[in-house]
N, C-alpha and C. Protein backbone atom coordinates (compact mmCIF):
# COMPACT_ATOMS: atom_id res chain seq x y z
N MET A 1 131.77 109.89 97.57
CA MET A 1 130.89 111.07 97.21
C MET A 1 130.12 111.92 98.84
N ILE A 2 130.81 112.96 98.42
CA ILE A 2 130.00 113.78 99.42
C ILE A 2 129.07 114.84 99.40
N PHE A 3 127.99 114.96 100.15
CA PHE A 3 126.93 115.15 99.70
C PHE A 3 126.63 116.01 100.53
N TYR A 4 126.61 117.78 100.30
CA TYR A 4 126.75 118.70 100.92
C TYR A 4 124.92 119.28 101.19
N ASP A 5 124.21 118.76 102.53
CA ASP A 5 122.27 118.40 102.47
C ASP A 5 122.75 119.35 103.91
N TYR A 6 121.33 119.43 104.04
CA TYR A 6 120.16 120.13 105.13
C TYR A 6 118.91 119.95 105.06
N CYS A 7 118.69 119.37 106.55
CA CYS A 7 117.76 118.40 106.82
C CYS A 7 116.48 118.90 106.06
N ARG A 8 116.39 120.08 106.19
CA ARG A 8 114.80 119.79 105.97
C ARG A 8 114.65 120.69 104.64
N SER A 9 115.60 120.69 103.64
CA SER A 9 115.74 121.12 102.11
C SER A 9 114.64 120.01 101.26
N SER A 10 113.99 120.11 100.52
CA SER A 10 113.09 119.53 99.90
C SER A 10 113.88 118.92 98.84
N ALA A 11 114.92 119.71 98.14
CA ALA A 11 115.84 119.35 97.12
C ALA A 11 116.91 118.17 97.76
N ALA A 12 117.29 118.65 98.84
CA ALA A 12 118.24 117.80 99.17
C ALA A 12 117.59 116.66 99.56
N TYR A 13 116.43 116.55 100.20
CA TYR A 13 115.27 115.33 100.42
C TYR A 13 115.45 114.28 99.29
N ARG A 14 115.19 114.82 98.29
CA ARG A 14 115.33 114.43 97.09
C ARG A 14 116.30 113.57 96.94
N VAL A 15 117.40 114.51 96.49
CA VAL A 15 118.73 113.80 96.43
C VAL A 15 119.16 112.31 97.69
N ARG A 16 118.45 112.51 98.76
CA ARG A 16 118.88 111.36 99.90
C ARG A 16 118.05 110.51 99.50
N ILE A 17 116.60 110.74 99.16
CA ILE A 17 116.26 109.47 98.66
C ILE A 17 116.47 108.55 97.10
N ALA A 18 117.18 109.87 96.14
CA ALA A 18 117.89 109.09 95.31
C ALA A 18 119.57 108.03 95.84
N LEU A 19 120.14 108.50 96.70
CA LEU A 19 121.18 107.67 97.23
C LEU A 19 120.94 106.46 98.08
N ASN A 20 119.60 106.59 98.23
CA ASN A 20 119.87 105.49 99.17
C ASN A 20 119.13 104.55 98.13
N LEU A 21 118.34 104.87 97.46
CA LEU A 21 117.46 104.12 96.21
C LEU A 21 118.69 103.14 95.07
N LYS A 22 119.99 104.19 95.24
CA LYS A 22 120.81 104.11 94.09
C LYS A 22 121.52 103.08 94.99
N ALA A 23 121.45 102.89 95.96
CA ALA A 23 122.45 101.76 97.45
C ALA A 23 124.27 102.72 96.88
N VAL A 24 124.52 103.90 97.11
CA VAL A 24 125.52 104.74 97.18
C VAL A 24 125.89 105.24 98.37
N GLU A 25 127.40 104.62 98.64
CA GLU A 25 127.74 105.44 100.23
C GLU A 25 128.70 106.69 99.98
N TYR A 26 128.33 107.54 101.37
CA TYR A 26 128.32 109.20 100.73
C TYR A 26 129.03 109.13 102.16
N GLN A 27 129.31 110.72 102.43
CA GLN A 27 129.98 111.19 103.29
C GLN A 27 129.06 112.59 103.09
N GLN A 28 128.10 112.49 104.49
CA GLN A 28 126.83 113.87 104.67
C GLN A 28 127.46 114.48 105.23
N VAL A 29 127.44 115.93 104.31
CA VAL A 29 127.85 117.30 104.80
C VAL A 29 126.58 118.07 105.36
N PRO A 30 126.51 118.34 106.44
CA PRO A 30 125.29 119.31 106.59
C PRO A 30 125.55 120.62 106.50
N VAL A 31 124.73 121.38 105.67
CA VAL A 31 124.98 122.79 105.61
C VAL A 31 123.77 123.63 106.69
N SER A 32 124.16 124.19 106.63
CA SER A 32 122.68 125.01 108.05
C SER A 32 122.89 125.89 107.04
N LEU A 33 121.19 126.22 106.86
CA LEU A 33 120.60 126.97 106.25
C LEU A 33 119.82 128.44 106.96
N LEU A 34 119.36 128.04 108.16
CA LEU A 34 118.85 128.51 109.39
C LEU A 34 119.97 129.96 109.58
N SER A 35 121.63 129.41 109.86
CA SER A 35 122.42 130.09 110.48
C SER A 35 123.21 130.57 109.62
N GLY A 36 122.91 130.25 107.97
CA GLY A 36 123.61 130.95 106.70
C GLY A 36 124.95 130.49 106.57
N GLU A 37 125.33 129.08 106.36
CA GLU A 37 126.48 128.26 106.00
C GLU A 37 126.33 128.41 104.71
N GLN A 38 124.78 128.31 103.87
CA GLN A 38 124.81 128.31 102.44
C GLN A 38 126.16 129.55 101.78
N ARG A 39 125.78 130.55 102.63
CA ARG A 39 126.15 132.15 102.21
C ARG A 39 127.82 132.03 102.25
N SER A 40 128.89 131.36 103.24
CA SER A 40 130.01 131.43 103.47
C SER A 40 130.99 131.19 102.03
N ALA A 41 131.76 131.64 102.13
CA ALA A 41 132.82 131.62 101.14
C ALA A 41 133.11 130.89 100.50
N ASP A 42 133.03 129.62 101.21
CA ASP A 42 134.02 128.32 101.07
C ASP A 42 132.45 127.54 100.11
N TYR A 43 131.47 128.36 100.95
CA TYR A 43 130.50 126.74 100.50
C TYR A 43 129.98 127.91 98.90
N LEU A 44 130.24 128.88 98.81
CA LEU A 44 129.82 129.89 97.60
C LEU A 44 130.87 129.77 96.34
N ALA A 45 131.94 129.23 97.04
CA ALA A 45 132.94 128.65 95.60
C ALA A 45 132.75 127.34 95.86
N ARG A 46 132.06 126.74 95.81
CA ARG A 46 131.38 125.29 95.49
C ARG A 46 130.31 125.25 94.65
N ASN A 47 129.56 126.36 95.05
CA ASN A 47 127.79 126.64 94.69
C ASN A 47 127.37 128.22 94.59
N PRO A 48 128.36 128.63 93.54
CA PRO A 48 127.96 130.45 93.52
C PRO A 48 126.04 130.81 93.79
N GLN A 49 125.07 130.08 93.19
CA GLN A 49 124.59 130.05 94.06
C GLN A 49 123.75 130.18 94.93
N GLY A 50 124.84 129.46 96.17
CA GLY A 50 124.38 129.06 97.29
C GLY A 50 123.20 127.98 98.28
N PHE A 51 123.10 127.39 96.82
CA PHE A 51 121.66 126.53 97.34
C PHE A 51 121.98 125.18 97.91
N VAL A 52 121.33 124.20 98.71
CA VAL A 52 121.14 122.60 98.56
C VAL A 52 120.90 122.12 98.23
N PRO A 53 121.12 120.90 97.56
CA PRO A 53 121.98 120.42 97.88
C PRO A 53 123.50 120.38 96.84
N ALA A 54 124.61 120.07 97.25
CA ALA A 54 125.18 119.90 95.86
C ALA A 54 126.43 118.54 96.48
N LEU A 55 126.64 117.38 95.55
CA LEU A 55 127.61 116.57 95.25
C LEU A 55 128.65 116.77 94.70
N LEU A 56 129.80 116.36 95.35
CA LEU A 56 131.15 115.91 94.90
C LEU A 56 131.51 114.57 94.31
N ASP A 57 131.89 114.18 93.42
CA ASP A 57 132.29 113.11 93.34
C ASP A 57 133.38 113.26 92.22
N GLY A 58 134.68 112.71 93.73
CA GLY A 58 135.81 112.61 92.56
C GLY A 58 135.74 114.18 92.64
N GLU A 59 136.13 114.67 90.85
CA GLU A 59 136.19 116.20 90.72
C GLU A 59 135.45 117.00 90.48
N LEU A 60 134.29 116.27 90.33
CA LEU A 60 132.82 116.78 89.92
C LEU A 60 131.82 116.91 90.48
N LEU A 61 131.83 118.23 90.62
CA LEU A 61 130.68 118.86 91.47
C LEU A 61 129.16 119.47 91.35
N LEU A 62 128.67 118.60 91.62
CA LEU A 62 126.71 118.64 90.59
C LEU A 62 126.28 119.49 91.86
N THR A 63 125.33 120.27 90.96
CA THR A 63 124.44 120.78 91.92
C THR A 63 122.73 120.68 91.06
N GLN A 64 121.91 121.17 91.60
CA GLN A 64 120.74 121.60 91.02
C GLN A 64 120.11 119.76 91.61
N SER A 65 118.93 119.41 92.23
CA SER A 65 118.37 118.04 92.83
C SER A 65 118.11 117.31 91.87
N LEU A 66 117.43 117.94 90.49
CA LEU A 66 117.32 116.64 89.35
C LEU A 66 118.19 116.80 88.77
N ALA A 67 119.41 117.64 88.46
CA ALA A 67 120.46 116.58 87.53
C ALA A 67 121.06 115.86 88.51
N ILE A 68 121.40 116.15 89.78
CA ILE A 68 122.38 114.93 90.89
C ILE A 68 121.36 113.92 90.67
N CYS A 69 120.33 113.47 90.50
CA CYS A 69 119.90 112.40 90.18
C CYS A 69 119.70 111.59 89.24
N GLU A 70 118.98 111.84 88.03
CA GLU A 70 119.53 111.81 87.15
C GLU A 70 121.12 111.35 86.87
N TYR A 71 121.87 112.26 87.33
CA TYR A 71 123.08 111.54 86.88
C TYR A 71 123.63 110.54 87.82
N LEU A 72 122.91 110.71 89.27
CA LEU A 72 123.09 108.89 89.96
C LEU A 72 122.50 107.96 88.92
N ASP A 73 121.30 108.24 89.05
CA ASP A 73 120.82 107.32 88.18
C ASP A 73 121.45 106.38 86.69
N GLU A 74 122.44 107.19 86.11
CA GLU A 74 122.93 106.88 84.94
C GLU A 74 124.06 106.30 85.14
N THR A 75 124.80 106.65 85.80
CA THR A 75 126.13 106.59 86.64
C THR A 75 126.43 105.06 87.82
N CYS A 76 125.64 105.42 88.24
CA CYS A 76 125.33 103.80 89.59
C CYS A 76 124.77 103.18 89.09
N SER A 77 125.62 101.28 89.10
CA SER A 77 124.61 100.61 88.54
C SER A 77 123.57 99.99 89.16
N SER A 78 124.22 100.26 90.95
CA SER A 78 123.66 99.39 92.29
C SER A 78 122.18 99.97 91.51
N GLY A 79 121.02 99.33 92.45
CA GLY A 79 119.87 99.94 92.97
C GLY A 79 118.85 99.94 91.98
N GLN A 80 117.63 100.89 92.14
CA GLN A 80 116.64 100.30 91.09
C GLN A 80 116.61 101.94 90.06
N SER A 81 116.61 101.55 88.86
CA SER A 81 116.26 102.81 88.05
C SER A 81 115.35 103.44 88.58
N LEU A 82 115.80 105.05 88.25
CA LEU A 82 114.55 106.16 88.62
C LEU A 82 113.38 106.74 87.41
N LEU A 83 114.05 105.94 86.50
CA LEU A 83 113.37 106.87 85.45
C LEU A 83 112.85 105.15 84.90
N PRO A 84 111.71 105.06 83.68
CA PRO A 84 110.94 103.55 83.04
C PRO A 84 112.24 103.73 81.73
N GLN A 85 112.07 103.02 81.01
CA GLN A 85 112.75 102.70 79.80
C GLN A 85 112.21 103.10 78.87
N ASN A 86 110.83 103.77 78.43
CA ASN A 86 109.81 104.06 77.73
C ASN A 86 110.43 105.40 77.31
N SER A 87 110.39 105.82 76.44
CA SER A 87 110.89 107.61 75.90
C SER A 87 109.69 108.29 76.49
N ALA A 88 108.91 107.69 76.20
CA ALA A 88 107.38 108.41 76.65
C ALA A 88 106.94 108.77 77.98
N ASP A 89 107.28 107.55 78.59
CA ASP A 89 107.25 107.36 79.79
C ASP A 89 108.63 108.47 80.42
N ARG A 90 109.52 107.96 80.45
CA ARG A 90 110.11 109.22 81.07
C ARG A 90 109.88 110.01 81.10
N ALA A 91 108.96 111.24 79.69
CA ALA A 91 109.23 112.52 80.08
C ALA A 91 107.82 112.57 80.36
N ILE A 92 107.14 111.95 80.80
CA ILE A 92 105.84 111.80 81.53
C ILE A 92 106.11 112.19 83.30
N VAL A 93 107.11 111.10 83.45
CA VAL A 93 107.27 111.06 84.86
C VAL A 93 108.50 112.71 85.29
N ARG A 94 109.56 113.15 84.15
CA ARG A 94 109.99 114.17 84.27
C ARG A 94 108.87 115.51 84.35
N ALA A 95 108.01 115.33 83.74
CA ALA A 95 106.81 116.53 83.92
C ALA A 95 106.15 116.03 85.22
N MET A 96 105.79 115.28 85.63
CA MET A 96 105.89 115.19 86.84
C MET A 96 106.76 115.63 88.10
N SER A 97 107.47 115.11 88.04
CA SER A 97 109.06 115.98 88.98
C SER A 97 109.29 117.29 88.87
N GLN A 98 109.08 117.84 87.46
CA GLN A 98 109.78 119.15 87.74
C GLN A 98 107.88 120.03 87.74
N LEU A 99 106.74 119.69 87.85
CA LEU A 99 105.28 120.01 88.29
C LEU A 99 105.68 120.65 89.72
N VAL A 100 106.34 119.50 90.61
CA VAL A 100 106.66 119.91 91.94
C VAL A 100 108.14 120.04 91.81
N ALA A 101 109.12 120.28 91.47
CA ALA A 101 110.82 120.94 91.92
C ALA A 101 110.38 122.23 91.12
N CYS A 102 110.21 122.32 89.87
CA CYS A 102 109.86 123.64 89.09
C CYS A 102 108.65 124.83 89.71
N ASP A 103 107.96 124.55 89.71
CA ASP A 103 106.39 124.64 89.64
C ASP A 103 106.09 125.42 91.14
N ILE A 104 106.09 124.00 91.85
CA ILE A 104 105.68 124.38 93.61
C ILE A 104 106.82 124.67 94.42
N HIS A 105 107.65 124.61 94.42
CA HIS A 105 108.66 124.26 94.88
C HIS A 105 109.97 126.11 94.91
N PRO A 106 109.85 126.51 93.97
CA PRO A 106 110.47 127.39 94.10
C PRO A 106 110.16 128.61 94.82
N VAL A 107 108.37 128.65 94.66
CA VAL A 107 108.31 129.63 94.93
C VAL A 107 108.39 129.75 96.75
N ASN A 108 107.94 128.52 97.49
CA ASN A 108 107.98 128.07 98.54
C ASN A 108 109.25 127.89 99.03
N ASN A 109 110.38 128.46 98.80
CA ASN A 109 111.47 127.61 99.41
C ASN A 109 112.01 128.53 100.55
N LEU A 110 112.76 128.67 101.06
CA LEU A 110 113.12 129.00 102.63
C LEU A 110 113.49 131.02 102.40
N ARG A 111 114.26 130.81 101.16
CA ARG A 111 114.67 132.18 101.03
C ARG A 111 113.87 133.18 100.45
N MET A 112 112.05 132.46 99.69
CA MET A 112 111.82 133.14 98.97
C MET A 112 110.88 133.66 100.54
N LEU A 113 110.71 132.70 101.29
CA LEU A 113 109.58 133.00 102.84
C LEU A 113 110.07 133.94 103.63
N ASN A 114 111.69 133.92 103.19
CA ASN A 114 112.47 135.10 104.04
C ASN A 114 111.91 136.59 103.54
N TYR A 115 112.26 136.58 102.41
CA TYR A 115 112.25 137.76 102.04
C TYR A 115 110.97 138.25 101.62
N LEU A 116 109.30 137.44 101.75
CA LEU A 116 108.09 137.85 102.15
C LEU A 116 108.30 138.93 103.65
N VAL A 117 109.09 138.20 104.11
CA VAL A 117 108.48 138.72 105.76
C VAL A 117 109.73 140.01 105.75
N SER A 118 110.89 139.49 105.63
CA SER A 118 111.86 140.66 106.02
C SER A 118 111.82 141.72 104.81
N GLU A 119 111.57 141.56 103.64
CA GLU A 119 111.95 142.60 102.36
C GLU A 119 110.62 143.38 102.71
N LEU A 120 108.85 142.58 102.63
CA LEU A 120 107.88 142.76 102.18
C LEU A 120 107.25 142.39 103.40
N GLY A 121 107.30 142.67 104.56
CA GLY A 121 106.54 142.58 105.48
C GLY A 121 105.46 142.08 105.85
N VAL A 122 105.33 141.03 105.16
CA VAL A 122 103.99 139.90 104.95
C VAL A 122 104.03 139.85 106.85
N SER A 123 102.80 139.14 107.16
CA SER A 123 102.72 138.40 108.25
C SER A 123 103.29 136.80 108.07
N ASP A 124 103.30 136.33 109.57
CA ASP A 124 103.61 134.92 109.66
C ASP A 124 101.89 134.34 109.25
N GLU A 125 101.10 134.61 109.14
CA GLU A 125 99.79 134.48 108.68
C GLU A 125 99.72 134.71 106.62
N GLN A 126 100.09 136.02 106.35
CA GLN A 126 100.20 135.96 104.87
C GLN A 126 101.20 134.84 104.55
N LYS A 127 102.33 134.66 105.03
CA LYS A 127 103.42 133.87 104.64
C LYS A 127 102.89 132.55 104.99
N SER A 128 102.19 132.17 105.84
CA SER A 128 101.51 130.55 105.15
C SER A 128 100.38 130.85 104.36
N GLN A 129 99.73 131.64 104.22
CA GLN A 129 98.51 131.66 103.26
C GLN A 129 99.51 131.34 101.75
N TRP A 130 100.58 132.57 101.62
CA TRP A 130 101.37 132.32 100.18
C TRP A 130 101.41 130.76 100.25
N TYR A 131 101.88 130.05 100.94
CA TYR A 131 102.67 128.50 100.83
C TYR A 131 101.65 127.92 100.34
N ARG A 132 100.48 127.94 101.14
CA ARG A 132 99.23 127.36 101.00
C ARG A 132 98.97 126.84 99.57
N HIS A 133 99.01 128.29 99.17
CA HIS A 133 98.42 128.96 97.09
C HIS A 133 98.97 128.28 96.51
N TRP A 134 100.26 128.06 96.77
CA TRP A 134 100.84 127.76 95.70
C TRP A 134 101.25 126.24 95.77
N VAL A 135 100.50 125.40 96.67
CA VAL A 135 100.98 123.76 97.58
C VAL A 135 99.56 123.58 96.54
N TYR A 136 98.25 123.82 96.64
CA TYR A 136 97.17 123.61 96.31
C TYR A 136 97.10 124.27 94.74
N GLN A 137 97.43 125.42 94.31
CA GLN A 137 97.99 125.13 93.20
C GLN A 137 98.32 124.23 91.87
N GLY A 138 99.81 123.66 92.79
CA GLY A 138 99.91 122.36 92.14
C GLY A 138 99.83 121.22 92.14
N PHE A 139 99.46 120.72 93.31
CA PHE A 139 98.87 119.66 93.85
C PHE A 139 97.59 119.40 93.60
N ASN A 140 96.49 120.44 92.95
CA ASN A 140 95.78 120.17 91.74
C ASN A 140 95.66 119.79 90.62
N ALA A 141 96.47 120.14 89.59
CA ALA A 141 97.45 119.48 89.08
C ALA A 141 97.67 117.68 88.83
N LEU A 142 98.80 117.81 90.03
CA LEU A 142 99.40 116.45 90.35
C LEU A 142 98.76 115.34 90.45
N GLU A 143 97.12 115.90 91.64
CA GLU A 143 96.29 114.76 91.93
C GLU A 143 95.73 114.30 90.35
N GLN A 144 95.38 115.26 89.86
CA GLN A 144 94.67 115.15 88.83
C GLN A 144 95.33 113.80 87.61
N LYS A 145 97.45 114.38 87.63
CA LYS A 145 97.72 113.57 86.71
C LYS A 145 97.85 111.95 87.29
N LEU A 146 97.92 112.03 89.16
CA LEU A 146 98.03 110.81 89.43
C LEU A 146 97.05 109.71 89.30
N GLY A 147 95.72 110.67 88.84
CA GLY A 147 94.64 109.50 88.40
C GLY A 147 94.87 108.63 87.06
N GLU A 148 95.51 108.97 86.79
CA GLU A 148 96.08 108.89 85.16
C GLU A 148 96.93 107.38 85.18
N THR A 149 98.48 108.06 86.31
CA THR A 149 99.31 107.26 86.50
C THR A 149 99.86 106.34 87.50
N ALA A 150 99.25 106.49 88.32
CA ALA A 150 99.46 106.24 89.57
C ALA A 150 98.61 105.02 89.85
N GLY A 151 99.89 103.63 90.37
CA GLY A 151 99.42 102.50 90.58
C GLY A 151 99.69 102.24 92.45
N GLU A 152 100.81 101.80 92.66
CA GLU A 152 101.44 101.86 94.38
C GLU A 152 102.09 103.23 94.39
N TYR A 153 102.68 103.94 92.91
CA TYR A 153 103.58 105.12 93.36
C TYR A 153 103.00 105.73 92.01
N SER A 154 103.81 106.96 91.91
CA SER A 154 103.12 107.74 91.47
C SER A 154 102.95 107.39 89.13
N PHE A 155 104.20 106.54 89.35
CA PHE A 155 104.08 106.08 87.97
C PHE A 155 103.91 104.65 87.90
N GLY A 156 102.41 103.99 88.32
CA GLY A 156 102.51 102.42 88.28
C GLY A 156 102.99 102.11 89.20
N ASP A 157 103.87 100.91 89.42
CA ASP A 157 103.94 100.06 90.56
C ASP A 157 105.41 100.40 90.78
N ALA A 158 106.43 101.08 90.57
CA ALA A 158 108.02 101.12 90.94
C ALA A 158 107.90 102.18 91.22
N VAL A 159 108.74 102.59 91.93
CA VAL A 159 108.50 104.27 92.60
C VAL A 159 109.80 104.79 91.37
N THR A 160 109.89 105.67 91.10
CA THR A 160 110.33 106.86 89.89
C THR A 160 110.90 108.01 90.25
N LEU A 161 111.32 109.13 89.88
CA LEU A 161 112.16 110.12 90.47
C LEU A 161 110.96 111.29 90.69
N ALA A 162 109.68 110.47 90.41
CA ALA A 162 107.83 111.43 90.67
C ALA A 162 108.24 111.30 92.30
N ASP A 163 107.82 109.92 92.57
CA ASP A 163 108.05 110.33 94.07
C ASP A 163 109.13 110.91 94.50
N LEU A 164 110.30 110.52 94.27
CA LEU A 164 111.22 111.73 95.23
C LEU A 164 111.40 113.15 95.11
N CYS A 165 110.01 113.39 94.04
CA CYS A 165 109.57 114.79 94.12
C CYS A 165 108.36 114.93 95.46
N LEU A 166 107.92 114.22 95.16
CA LEU A 166 106.24 114.42 95.33
C LEU A 166 106.96 114.27 97.30
N VAL A 167 107.35 113.25 98.14
CA VAL A 167 107.67 112.85 99.20
C VAL A 167 108.00 114.46 99.85
N PRO A 168 108.83 114.67 100.15
CA PRO A 168 109.52 116.02 100.32
C PRO A 168 108.65 117.12 100.39
N GLN A 169 108.04 117.24 98.52
CA GLN A 169 106.56 118.23 98.88
C GLN A 169 105.57 118.42 99.98
N VAL A 170 104.88 116.76 100.00
CA VAL A 170 104.32 116.13 100.79
C VAL A 170 104.70 116.49 102.50
N PHE A 171 105.92 116.74 102.99
CA PHE A 171 106.09 116.74 104.22
C PHE A 171 106.00 118.25 104.74
N ASN A 172 106.69 119.06 103.52
CA ASN A 172 106.43 120.08 103.95
C ASN A 172 105.49 120.88 103.26
N ALA A 173 103.63 120.59 102.47
CA ALA A 173 102.86 120.87 102.79
C ALA A 173 102.53 120.75 104.48
N ASN A 174 103.01 119.62 104.53
CA ASN A 174 102.19 118.87 106.34
C ASN A 174 103.32 120.19 107.77
N ARG A 175 104.28 120.30 107.08
CA ARG A 175 104.72 121.19 108.06
C ARG A 175 103.90 122.56 108.03
N PHE A 176 103.46 123.17 106.83
CA PHE A 176 102.14 124.71 106.74
C PHE A 176 101.12 124.69 106.82
N SER A 177 100.75 123.13 107.47
CA SER A 177 99.34 123.09 107.60
C SER A 177 98.33 122.54 106.55
N CYS A 178 98.94 122.99 105.70
CA CYS A 178 97.98 122.51 104.39
C CYS A 178 96.81 121.24 104.79
N ASN A 179 95.89 121.50 104.20
CA ASN A 179 94.71 120.45 104.42
C ASN A 179 94.68 119.49 102.65
N LEU A 180 95.07 118.19 102.80
CA LEU A 180 95.40 117.31 101.88
C LEU A 180 94.16 116.50 101.40
N ASP A 181 92.79 116.61 102.26
CA ASP A 181 91.39 116.26 102.23
C ASP A 181 91.42 116.05 100.68
N SER A 182 91.78 116.67 100.22
CA SER A 182 90.71 116.81 97.69
C SER A 182 92.38 116.19 97.72
N TYR A 183 92.71 115.23 98.17
CA TYR A 183 94.44 114.54 96.82
C TYR A 183 94.69 113.50 97.71
N PRO A 184 93.18 112.24 97.93
CA PRO A 184 93.89 111.15 97.91
C PRO A 184 94.55 110.25 97.63
N ASN A 185 94.75 110.75 96.36
CA ASN A 185 96.35 110.37 95.12
C ASN A 185 97.27 110.28 95.92
N ILE A 186 97.63 111.64 96.68
CA ILE A 186 98.80 112.07 96.54
C ILE A 186 99.26 111.59 97.88
N VAL A 187 98.06 111.63 98.99
CA VAL A 187 97.95 110.76 99.98
C VAL A 187 98.64 109.68 99.83
N ARG A 188 98.19 109.18 99.23
CA ARG A 188 98.30 107.71 99.53
C ARG A 188 99.84 107.15 98.84
N VAL A 189 99.70 107.69 97.72
CA VAL A 189 101.07 107.43 96.92
C VAL A 189 102.15 107.96 98.26
N ASN A 190 101.86 108.83 98.62
CA ASN A 190 103.10 109.63 99.93
C ASN A 190 103.09 108.60 100.72
N GLU A 191 102.17 107.40 101.21
CA GLU A 191 102.43 106.47 102.68
C GLU A 191 102.59 105.68 101.50
N ASN A 192 102.49 105.59 100.56
CA ASN A 192 103.53 104.19 100.07
C ASN A 192 104.76 104.09 100.06
N CYS A 193 105.19 105.43 99.71
CA CYS A 193 106.33 105.63 99.39
C CYS A 193 107.49 105.71 100.58
N LEU A 194 106.99 106.21 101.74
CA LEU A 194 107.08 106.10 103.21
C LEU A 194 107.38 105.22 103.97
N LYS A 195 106.91 103.65 103.40
CA LYS A 195 106.96 102.34 103.20
C LYS A 195 108.32 101.80 102.98
N VAL A 196 108.78 102.77 102.17
CA VAL A 196 109.98 101.84 101.72
C VAL A 196 111.37 102.58 101.96
N ARG A 197 111.80 101.85 102.38
CA ARG A 197 113.43 102.10 103.43
C ARG A 197 114.10 103.13 102.92
N ALA A 198 113.91 103.45 101.95
CA ALA A 198 114.92 104.31 100.75
C ALA A 198 114.89 105.79 101.38
N PHE A 199 113.15 105.63 101.26
CA PHE A 199 112.18 107.04 101.36
C PHE A 199 112.35 106.98 103.28
N ALA A 200 112.16 106.33 104.00
CA ALA A 200 112.39 106.57 105.29
C ALA A 200 113.69 106.96 106.01
N ASP A 201 114.22 105.87 105.44
CA ASP A 201 115.79 106.66 105.82
C ASP A 201 115.81 107.75 106.35
N ALA A 202 115.43 108.11 104.35
CA ALA A 202 115.74 110.60 104.28
C ALA A 202 115.33 111.29 104.95
N HIS A 203 114.15 110.95 105.75
CA HIS A 203 113.04 111.85 106.88
C HIS A 203 114.08 112.58 106.99
N PRO A 204 113.42 114.12 106.89
CA PRO A 204 113.99 115.03 107.70
C PRO A 204 114.95 115.02 109.38
N ASP A 205 113.90 114.31 109.95
CA ASP A 205 114.55 114.16 111.13
C ASP A 205 114.84 113.68 111.58
N LEU A 206 115.61 112.59 110.81
CA LEU A 206 116.37 111.38 110.85
C LEU A 206 118.30 112.12 110.33
N GLN A 207 118.17 113.42 109.84
CA GLN A 207 119.31 113.53 109.49
C GLN A 207 120.76 114.70 110.70
N PRO A 208 121.41 114.56 110.30
CA PRO A 208 122.12 115.64 111.17
C PRO A 208 121.41 116.92 111.25
N GLY A 209 121.78 117.44 112.15
CA GLY A 209 121.22 119.25 112.69
C GLY A 209 119.60 119.09 112.61
N ALA A 210 118.84 117.93 112.84
CA ALA A 210 117.53 118.12 112.38
C ALA A 210 117.16 118.53 114.18
């Protein structure tokens, strides 16, 4: 497998954790979002959206982090499952994952923040206020949900897809100086996840281009 990656991309971070948990061997190809490599003709031929991550498995090219994670879960027999066995439990974990990946992350990713500055002329402080506002909105709901579902991890005592989404979002929340004092469940689950080697090895600071 070939994995097109950017060290600080939350979406790519999720997939790095999944690859590690599933014990998949892969070739990592950095794509620098800061220098615009995602807009090159070669990369757009792979992913017309110009996003990371992208995963090439033989002739199959996959995009969108949650789809990639579920593909790995379904096709790789090694490692641990990322979703519970029970249908209702799987739906709950998917909903928690999408709360982060679909509702918090998209309005706070790099292209959105760049647009706020370059096209709408907001200041750096206003940009940070925007970022923190949407993190707090999402974390308020996630914290409440974790109060119902969390054990050691987001859903009971086994790592799931929800944790793969939570950890990168907490990393970026810390980058933007979000105050997480009101989110003890989120902080505790994040700390527990980072003790797992698959999460620790996927940390942005350890990736090419960091």
